[in-house]
Protein backbone atom coordinates (compact mmCIF):
# COMPACT_ATOMS: atom_id res chain seq x y z
CA MET A 1 20.91 -7.72 47.73
CA SER A 2 23.20 -10.64 48.62
CA ALA A 3 24.38 -10.82 45.01
CA ILE A 4 25.29 -7.12 45.09
CA LEU A 5 27.22 -7.56 48.37
CA SER A 6 29.07 -10.54 46.90
CA LEU A 7 30.12 -8.46 43.89
CA ARG A 8 31.40 -5.72 46.18
CA ARG A 9 33.72 -8.22 47.92
CA LEU A 10 35.35 -9.28 44.61
CA PRO A 11 38.78 -7.87 43.68
CA THR A 12 38.79 -5.01 41.19
CA SER A 13 40.42 -7.19 38.52
CA ASN A 14 37.57 -9.69 38.76
CA LEU A 15 34.96 -6.94 38.48
CA ILE A 16 36.66 -5.64 35.34
CA ALA A 17 36.65 -9.13 33.83
CA ILE A 18 32.97 -9.64 34.63
CA SER A 19 32.08 -6.24 33.14
CA ALA A 20 33.98 -7.03 29.96
CA PHE A 21 32.22 -10.40 29.67
CA LEU A 22 28.79 -8.81 30.09
CA LEU A 23 29.56 -6.12 27.50
CA LEU A 24 30.78 -8.72 25.00
CA SER A 25 27.66 -10.84 25.58
CA LEU A 26 25.45 -7.83 24.96
CA CYS A 27 27.23 -7.06 21.70
CA LEU A 28 26.92 -10.67 20.51
CA PHE A 29 23.24 -10.77 21.44
CA SER A 30 22.60 -7.55 19.55
CA THR A 31 24.43 -8.90 16.50
CA ARG A 32 22.36 -12.07 16.45
CA ARG A 33 19.18 -9.99 16.46
CA GLU A 34 20.35 -7.81 13.57
CA THR A 35 17.45 -6.99 11.25
CA VAL A 36 17.86 -8.31 7.72
CA SER A 37 18.49 -5.70 5.05
CA TYR A 38 15.09 -6.12 3.37
CA PHE A 39 13.35 -4.97 6.53
CA ASP A 40 15.96 -2.54 7.89
CA VAL A 41 14.37 0.17 10.04
CA ARG A 42 17.63 1.71 11.23
CA ARG A 43 17.81 4.01 8.21
CA ALA A 44 14.94 6.02 9.68
CA ARG A 45 17.04 6.78 12.77
CA LEU A 46 20.02 8.39 11.08
CA PRO A 47 20.67 11.90 12.48
CA SER A 48 20.88 13.41 9.00
CA ARG A 49 17.97 11.47 7.56
CA ASN A 50 15.99 12.59 4.55
CA ILE A 51 12.19 12.33 4.70
CA THR A 52 12.49 9.47 2.19
CA ASP A 53 14.11 7.38 4.94
CA ASP A 54 10.72 7.22 6.67
CA ILE A 55 9.74 4.56 4.14
CA TYR A 56 12.13 2.20 5.94
CA ASN A 57 10.39 2.50 9.31
CA THR A 58 7.93 -0.03 10.76
CA THR A 59 4.90 1.67 9.18
CA LEU A 60 6.42 2.12 5.71
CA GLY A 61 6.43 5.91 5.95
CA PHE A 62 2.76 6.18 6.92
CA GLU A 63 1.62 7.11 10.41
CA LYS A 64 -0.35 3.86 10.81
CA ILE A 65 -1.02 0.60 9.01
CA PHE A 66 -4.57 -0.71 9.43
CA VAL A 67 -5.69 -4.22 8.45
CA ILE A 68 -9.42 -4.85 7.95
CA GLY A 69 -10.80 -8.30 8.70
CA LEU A 70 -13.57 -10.17 10.45
CA PRO A 71 -12.55 -11.16 14.00
CA SER A 72 -13.94 -14.64 13.28
CA ARG A 73 -11.34 -15.18 10.54
CA THR A 74 -8.61 -16.05 13.00
CA ASP A 75 -6.78 -17.90 10.23
CA ARG A 76 -6.27 -14.65 8.38
CA ARG A 77 -5.26 -12.75 11.49
CA ASP A 78 -2.66 -15.37 12.33
CA GLY A 79 -1.25 -15.13 8.82
CA MET A 80 -1.23 -11.34 8.76
CA VAL A 81 0.38 -11.02 12.20
CA LEU A 82 3.16 -13.42 11.18
CA GLN A 83 3.64 -11.75 7.81
CA ALA A 84 3.90 -8.31 9.39
CA ALA A 85 6.36 -9.59 11.99
CA LEU A 86 8.54 -11.17 9.29
CA SER A 87 8.47 -7.82 7.47
CA ASN A 88 9.27 -5.80 10.61
CA MET A 89 5.98 -3.94 10.29
CA GLU A 90 3.57 -2.67 12.95
CA ILE A 91 -0.09 -3.23 12.12
CA GLU A 92 -3.39 -2.58 13.85
CA PHE A 93 -6.59 -4.47 13.10
CA ILE A 94 -9.89 -2.82 12.25
CA ASP A 95 -12.73 -5.26 12.83
CA GLY A 96 -14.67 -6.15 9.72
CA VAL A 97 -18.45 -5.89 9.79
CA LEU A 98 -21.18 -8.38 8.93
CA GLY A 99 -23.65 -6.78 6.56
CA LYS A 100 -26.62 -8.10 8.49
CA ASP A 101 -25.52 -5.94 11.42
CA VAL A 102 -25.78 -2.74 9.35
CA PRO A 103 -29.39 -1.48 9.49
CA ASP A 104 -31.05 0.15 6.50
CA LYS A 105 -31.13 3.43 8.42
CA ALA A 106 -27.32 3.48 8.45
CA LEU A 107 -27.07 3.28 4.66
CA PRO A 108 -26.92 6.79 3.13
CA SER A 109 -29.65 7.29 0.57
CA THR A 110 -31.20 10.34 -1.06
CA GLN A 111 -33.58 8.24 -3.14
CA GLU A 112 -35.22 4.83 -3.19
CA LEU A 113 -32.31 2.40 -3.47
CA LYS A 114 -32.26 -1.37 -3.48
CA ARG A 115 -30.15 -2.62 -0.59
CA LEU A 116 -26.99 -4.33 -1.79
CA GLU A 117 -26.12 -7.85 -0.64
CA ASP A 118 -25.03 -8.14 2.98
CA PRO A 119 -21.38 -9.10 2.25
CA VAL A 120 -21.04 -5.98 0.07
CA VAL A 121 -22.63 -3.79 2.74
CA GLY A 122 -20.36 -5.25 5.42
CA ALA A 123 -17.22 -4.72 3.33
CA TRP A 124 -18.19 -1.08 2.69
CA ARG A 125 -18.77 -0.47 6.39
CA GLY A 126 -15.47 -2.10 7.35
CA HIS A 127 -13.55 0.21 5.03
CA MET A 128 -15.50 3.22 6.21
CA ASN A 129 -14.67 2.34 9.82
CA ALA A 130 -10.98 2.37 8.91
CA ILE A 131 -11.35 5.72 7.14
CA GLN A 132 -13.32 7.07 10.09
CA GLU A 133 -10.49 6.04 12.41
CA VAL A 134 -7.94 7.96 10.33
CA VAL A 135 -10.06 11.09 10.66
CA ARG A 136 -10.93 10.56 14.33
CA ARG A 137 -7.28 10.16 15.34
CA ASN A 138 -6.18 12.97 13.03
CA LEU A 139 -3.54 10.72 11.47
CA SER A 140 -1.39 12.36 8.82
CA SER A 141 -1.63 9.22 6.68
CA ALA A 142 -2.48 5.54 6.90
CA LEU A 143 -2.05 2.43 4.79
CA ILE A 144 -5.23 0.33 4.82
CA MET A 145 -5.11 -3.32 3.79
CA GLU A 146 -7.51 -6.23 3.65
CA ASP A 147 -6.45 -9.28 5.64
CA ASP A 148 -5.61 -11.48 2.64
CA ALA A 149 -2.98 -9.13 1.22
CA ASP A 150 0.55 -10.28 0.43
CA TRP A 151 3.64 -8.37 -0.68
CA ASP A 152 7.22 -8.81 -1.82
CA VAL A 153 10.06 -9.04 0.70
CA ARG A 154 11.41 -5.97 -1.10
CA ILE A 155 8.31 -3.89 -0.37
CA ARG A 156 10.30 -1.01 1.12
CA ASN A 157 12.48 -0.77 -1.97
CA GLN A 158 9.36 -0.83 -4.14
CA LEU A 159 7.71 1.90 -2.07
CA HIS A 160 10.92 3.94 -2.23
CA ASP A 161 10.76 3.83 -6.03
CA TYR A 162 7.05 4.64 -5.97
CA ALA A 163 7.67 7.64 -3.71
CA LEU A 164 10.25 9.12 -6.08
CA SER A 165 7.88 8.54 -9.00
CA ALA A 166 4.84 10.05 -7.28
CA ARG A 167 6.85 13.11 -6.31
CA ALA A 168 7.89 13.56 -9.94
CA LEU A 169 4.19 13.75 -10.83
CA THR A 170 2.84 15.87 -7.96
CA GLN A 171 5.63 17.93 -6.40
CA PRO A 172 6.52 21.33 -7.94
CA LEU A 173 9.66 21.44 -10.02
CA ALA A 174 12.68 22.67 -8.11
CA GLY A 175 13.22 26.38 -8.64
CA SER A 176 9.68 27.10 -9.79
CA SER A 177 7.70 29.95 -8.28
CA ASN A 178 5.78 29.36 -5.06
CA SER A 179 2.95 31.53 -6.33
CA SER A 180 2.77 29.76 -9.69
CA PRO A 181 4.49 26.36 -9.39
CA ALA A 182 5.40 24.34 -12.46
CA TYR A 183 5.16 20.55 -12.72
CA ALA A 184 6.81 17.88 -14.84
CA ASP A 185 3.35 16.69 -15.91
CA PRO A 186 1.80 19.51 -17.98
CA THR A 187 -1.69 18.12 -17.23
CA TYR A 188 -1.25 18.39 -13.44
CA PRO A 189 -2.88 19.52 -11.18
CA LEU A 190 -6.50 18.60 -11.88
CA ALA A 191 -7.32 22.15 -12.96
CA LEU A 192 -4.92 21.72 -15.91
CA ALA A 193 -6.03 18.21 -16.87
CA SER A 194 -8.47 19.53 -19.47
CA ASN A 195 -5.92 21.67 -21.31
CA GLY A 196 -6.41 19.73 -24.54
CA LEU A 197 -3.41 17.41 -24.30
CA SER A 198 -4.45 13.83 -25.05
CA THR A 199 -1.06 12.39 -24.13
CA VAL A 200 2.13 13.62 -22.53
CA PRO A 201 5.68 12.27 -22.80
CA ASP A 202 6.61 9.50 -20.38
CA ILE A 203 8.92 10.43 -17.52
CA PRO A 204 11.69 7.80 -17.26
CA PHE A 205 12.41 6.60 -13.74
CA SER A 206 16.10 6.64 -14.64
CA ASN A 207 15.96 10.40 -15.27
CA LEU A 208 13.48 11.93 -12.83
CA PRO A 209 13.16 15.73 -12.72
CA ALA A 210 14.36 17.65 -9.67
CA THR A 211 11.35 18.53 -7.53
CA VAL A 212 10.71 20.33 -4.26
CA THR A 213 11.42 18.03 -1.30
CA PRO A 214 8.14 17.16 0.46
CA GLN A 215 7.72 18.23 4.07
CA ILE A 216 4.74 16.12 5.17
CA SER A 217 5.07 12.66 3.62
CA PRO A 218 7.83 10.83 1.73
CA TYR A 219 5.19 10.16 -0.92
CA GLY A 220 4.54 13.86 -1.56
CA ASP A 221 2.65 16.72 0.04
CA ASP A 222 -0.43 16.79 -2.20
CA TRP A 223 -2.36 13.55 -2.66
CA ASP A 224 -5.58 11.99 -1.41
CA VAL A 225 -5.22 8.29 -2.21
CA PHE A 226 -2.40 5.95 -3.20
CA TRP A 227 -4.13 2.84 -4.59
CA ALA A 228 -1.38 0.30 -3.96
CA GLY A 229 -3.19 -3.04 -4.32
CA HIS A 230 -5.83 -3.61 -7.01
CA CYS A 231 -7.16 -5.98 -9.66
CA GLY A 232 -6.57 -3.64 -12.57
CA MET A 233 -6.22 -0.05 -13.78
CA HIS A 234 -6.18 1.92 -17.00
CA PHE A 235 -3.94 4.81 -17.91
CA PRO A 236 -5.89 8.10 -17.91
CA SER A 237 -6.80 9.31 -21.38
CA THR A 238 -9.35 11.53 -23.06
CA SER A 239 -11.19 8.49 -24.41
CA ASN A 240 -11.78 6.27 -21.38
CA GLY A 241 -12.98 8.52 -18.59
CA PRO A 242 -15.76 10.93 -17.67
CA ALA A 243 -13.44 13.54 -16.21
CA ALA A 244 -10.17 15.06 -17.32
CA LEU A 245 -7.41 13.49 -15.23
CA PRO A 246 -3.66 14.15 -15.20
CA LYS A 247 -2.04 11.95 -17.82
CA GLY A 248 1.60 11.90 -16.74
CA ARG A 249 3.35 8.57 -16.24
CA VAL A 250 6.63 7.63 -14.62
CA VAL A 251 7.97 4.53 -16.37
CA HIS A 252 10.37 2.22 -14.57
CA LEU A 253 11.96 -0.10 -17.14
CA ASP A 254 13.84 -3.26 -16.15
CA ASP A 255 12.30 -3.38 -12.69
CA ALA A 256 13.64 -6.61 -11.16
CA THR A 257 10.60 -6.93 -8.87
CA THR A 258 8.11 -6.95 -11.77
CA PRO A 259 7.22 -10.39 -13.21
CA GLN A 260 7.23 -11.19 -16.90
CA LYS A 261 4.07 -10.36 -18.82
CA ARG A 262 2.94 -14.00 -18.86
CA HIS A 263 2.39 -13.73 -15.09
CA LEU A 264 0.38 -10.48 -15.24
CA TRP A 265 -3.42 -10.31 -15.31
CA THR A 266 -6.18 -7.75 -14.93
CA ILE A 267 -9.98 -7.54 -14.90
CA SER A 268 -9.72 -4.07 -16.51
CA ASN A 269 -9.25 -5.11 -20.13
CA PRO A 270 -7.52 -4.19 -22.32
CA TYR A 271 -4.36 -4.46 -20.26
CA ASP A 272 -2.66 -1.17 -21.12
CA LEU A 273 0.58 -2.01 -19.31
CA LYS A 274 1.15 -5.26 -21.20
CA ASP A 275 0.12 -3.75 -24.52
CA GLN A 276 2.23 -0.61 -24.37
CA TYR A 277 5.44 -1.46 -22.50
CA PRO A 278 8.21 -4.10 -22.59
CA GLU A 279 8.84 -6.85 -20.05
CA HIS A 280 9.58 -5.94 -16.43
CA THR A 281 8.05 -2.46 -16.60
CA ARG A 282 6.28 -0.77 -13.70
CA VAL A 283 4.37 2.48 -14.23
CA VAL A 284 3.11 5.11 -11.75
CA HIS A 285 0.17 7.28 -12.83
CA HIS A 286 -3.17 8.74 -11.73
CA VAL A 287 -6.07 6.37 -11.08
CA GLN A 288 -8.48 5.42 -13.85
CA ASP A 289 -10.90 2.45 -13.74
CA GLY A 290 -9.54 1.03 -10.50
CA CYS A 291 -11.12 -2.03 -8.94
CA CYS A 292 -10.54 -4.16 -5.82
CA SER A 293 -9.61 -2.26 -2.66
CA LEU A 294 -6.98 -4.72 -1.43
CA ALA A 295 -4.59 -2.00 -0.26
CA TYR A 296 -4.60 1.79 -0.42
CA ALA A 297 -3.15 4.69 1.52
CA VAL A 298 -4.90 7.91 2.43
CA THR A 299 -3.81 11.26 3.77
CA GLN A 300 -5.78 13.04 6.48
CA MET A 301 -7.41 15.28 3.88
CA GLY A 302 -8.05 12.30 1.62
CA ALA A 303 -9.72 10.40 4.46
CA ARG A 304 -11.95 13.37 5.26
CA ARG A 305 -12.97 13.63 1.63
CA ILE A 306 -13.73 9.91 1.41
CA LEU A 307 -15.79 10.12 4.60
CA ARG A 308 -17.82 12.86 2.94
CA GLU A 309 -18.11 11.42 -0.57
CA VAL A 310 -18.27 7.67 0.13
CA GLY A 311 -19.49 7.48 3.71
CA LEU A 312 -22.26 10.07 3.53
CA LYS A 313 -23.52 9.84 -0.06
CA ASP A 314 -25.74 7.18 -1.62
CA MET A 315 -24.50 3.67 -0.82
CA ASN A 316 -25.31 2.27 -4.26
CA GLU A 317 -22.09 0.43 -5.20
CA PRO A 318 -19.42 -1.75 -3.59
CA PHE A 319 -16.70 0.19 -1.80
CA ASP A 320 -14.03 -0.28 -4.48
CA LEU A 321 -16.32 1.12 -7.19
CA GLN A 322 -17.17 4.07 -4.97
CA LEU A 323 -13.43 4.64 -4.47
CA LYS A 324 -13.03 4.51 -8.25
CA SER A 325 -15.76 7.16 -8.58
CA PHE A 326 -14.12 9.21 -5.84
CA CYS A 327 -10.83 9.20 -7.74
CA GLU A 328 -11.98 9.77 -11.31
CA GLY A 329 -15.30 11.59 -10.91
CA SER A 330 -17.48 8.95 -12.58
CA GLY A 331 -20.90 7.65 -11.59
CA LYS A 332 -23.81 9.11 -9.67
CA PRO A 333 -23.83 10.73 -7.26
CA VAL A 334 -20.73 12.66 -8.29
CA ARG A 335 -17.95 11.93 -5.79
CA GLY A 336 -14.87 13.39 -7.49
CA PRO A 337 -12.42 13.67 -9.12
CA HIS A 338 -9.66 13.73 -6.51
CA ASN A 339 -5.90 13.38 -6.48
CA CYS A 340 -5.37 9.61 -6.54
CA LEU A 341 -2.26 7.82 -7.74
CA THR A 342 -1.51 4.17 -8.40
CA VAL A 343 1.12 1.81 -9.72
CA GLN A 344 0.93 -1.01 -12.27
CA PRO A 345 1.38 -3.81 -11.45
CA GLY A 346 0.18 -3.20 -7.90
CA LEU A 347 2.48 -3.74 -4.94
CA PHE A 348 -0.01 -5.74 -2.85
CA HIS A 349 -1.87 -8.78 -4.13
CA ILE A 350 -4.33 -11.38 -2.86
CA HIS A 351 -2.88 -14.44 -1.15
CA PHE A 352 -4.73 -17.73 -1.57
CA SER A 353 -4.07 -20.16 1.26
CA ALA A 354 -3.73 -23.88 0.62
CA GLY A 355 -7.01 -25.68 1.22
CA PRO A 356 -10.66 -25.37 0.20
CA LYS A 357 -11.47 -22.58 -2.25
CA ASP A 358 -14.54 -21.47 -0.32
CA VAL A 359 -12.31 -19.81 2.33
CA ASN A 360 -10.99 -17.29 -0.21
CA SER A 361 -13.67 -14.67 0.30
CA ASP A 362 -16.41 -13.64 2.69
CA ILE A 363 -18.01 -11.55 -0.07
CA SER A 364 -18.17 -13.71 -3.22
CA ASP A 365 -18.22 -17.39 -4.18
CA HIS A 366 -14.85 -18.79 -5.31
CA GLY A 367 -16.13 -22.25 -6.19
CA GLU A 368 -15.56 -25.71 -4.80
CA GLY A 369 -12.52 -27.94 -4.53
CA PHE A 370 -9.03 -27.37 -3.18
CA GLN A 371 -6.14 -25.14 -4.20
CA HIS A 372 -2.41 -24.77 -3.73
CA GLU A 373 -1.01 -21.80 -1.83
CA SER A 374 -0.30 -18.90 -4.18
CA THR A 375 0.05 -15.15 -4.60
CA SER A 376 -0.17 -13.69 -8.10
CA MET A 377 2.19 -11.04 -9.48
CA VAL A 378 4.50 -11.06 -6.42
CA ARG A 379 7.92 -12.51 -7.14
CA HIS A 380 9.37 -12.97 -3.64
CA SER A 381 6.20 -13.35 -1.60
CA VAL A 382 6.56 -12.91 2.17
CA ARG A 383 3.89 -15.53 2.86
CA LEU A 384 5.36 -18.08 0.47
CA ASN A 385 8.86 -17.50 1.86
CA ALA A 386 7.77 -17.59 5.51
CA ASP A 387 9.83 -20.67 6.43
CA ALA A 388 13.06 -19.22 5.04
CA LEU A 389 12.38 -15.84 6.68
CA LEU A 390 11.65 -17.50 10.03
CA ASP A 391 15.01 -19.28 9.90
CA GLY A 392 16.89 -16.22 8.64
CA ARG A 393 17.85 -18.06 5.44
CA MET A 394 17.87 -15.02 3.17
CA ASP A 395 19.86 -16.87 0.50
CA ASP A 396 17.05 -19.43 0.24
CA LEU A 397 14.27 -17.01 -0.70
CA VAL A 398 12.34 -18.37 -3.68
CA ASP A 399 11.20 -16.38 -6.70
CA GLN A 400 7.67 -17.68 -7.27
CA LEU A 401 7.50 -16.17 -10.76
CA PRO A 402 10.95 -16.72 -12.33
CA ASP A 403 11.78 -15.58 -15.83
CA GLU A 404 11.76 -18.14 -18.61
C-alpha cells in the first residue's frame, strides 16, 4: 500500500517515464524468451489458421502425448522431460507395468496358452493402459511413445510433410462425390485393396493431388494408427501379406532430414526402401510387417479397436506383433486389417545413453560392456544436441549422420 501511495505522489511526467520503462522491459523480456523456429507454437494461434497449423502446437497436432515408462527408471524420465521441454512439447507419463504384477487371470485367453515372459507381459500391459486412457478420456487422438524415444529437432516439419502425404492417401480427392468419393490411391480404402492391382504408381510429394481438407485431425479424418517409430516395415504388396492392403505410396525425394542409405537399417529384411529408392528418400504408405512399438499415434476409434482386438483377445504375442496383426490382418486370432499408416524411415528412434549396455532395455538383454551415446537414423537428434539447445545456440546444432 505504501508503494502505491508513493507512486500517487509522483509528478505525472515521472509516472509516464516509469510506465514507459516497464513497458520496454516487458518487451525485452518477451523477446529474450522467443521460441526458436524449430519449436514455434505461435503458428497454431493465428486467427486464420489452417488445421495443418495444429502440428506446430505443443502436442504436435494430437490431443495428448503419452510416454510409457517404469517409474523406477528415473534416468529415462529425466531425459524425456528435458527432451520434451527443449522441443516445446507437453507430455504425460503412463506408468509402465512389471509383468510379475499381471496375474494370469488378467491375460485374455480363449485356449490353453503358455504365459509369455514377464517383461513381455509388462510391456503389453503398459501399452494397453495408455490405449485404455485414450478411450477413457475420449481423446480425439494421442501420440504414444516409449521412454527411450528420440527425434529430430525438425520433428514438426517432418510431421507436417507426413500429414500432407497421409492426406493424399486417405482423404477424398477434391471435387469428388460425397456419396461415392474417389481417392488418389486406386486400392484405397480397404474394401478396394483386393481389386487385382499388384502395384500402383507412386505419388510424388512434390506434386500431391488436391484433397478434401480434413476437419478432425491435421493427419486426416480416417485412420486408426500412425506407426511413427519402428524397427522396420515393408511396402504392402500381393506377395508379402495375408490380407489385401492399400498399396499407394507418397515418395518424398531429396528429403534433407533423411540420412544416407549407409546409416539406415531394419530388422524387416529385405529393406525395400534402400533397394527401391535413391538416397535421401522418405516414403509414406500403409503398414506391412511392422515391428517395435517405439512411437505410434491413435485416433479415438483406433484406440477403441485396439482395446477390443489387442486388449481383449488372446495375449499370445508381444504388443508390437499384435499391433502388426491389428494393422495387416495376419496371425491368429484375427485382429484386422485396419487403417494404419507409417513412414520409412521412421520419425522416432531409440536413444542409447552413454554407459553400460544393460540399461538399454527392461525387456531384452543387450549384452555387457559400455557404449557411447547414440541415436540411429536421426540426423539432428534432440538428445544429442541438448547442450546447444539449452544455450540457444541454434547455429551449433550437429548433424550426427552427415553425408559423405
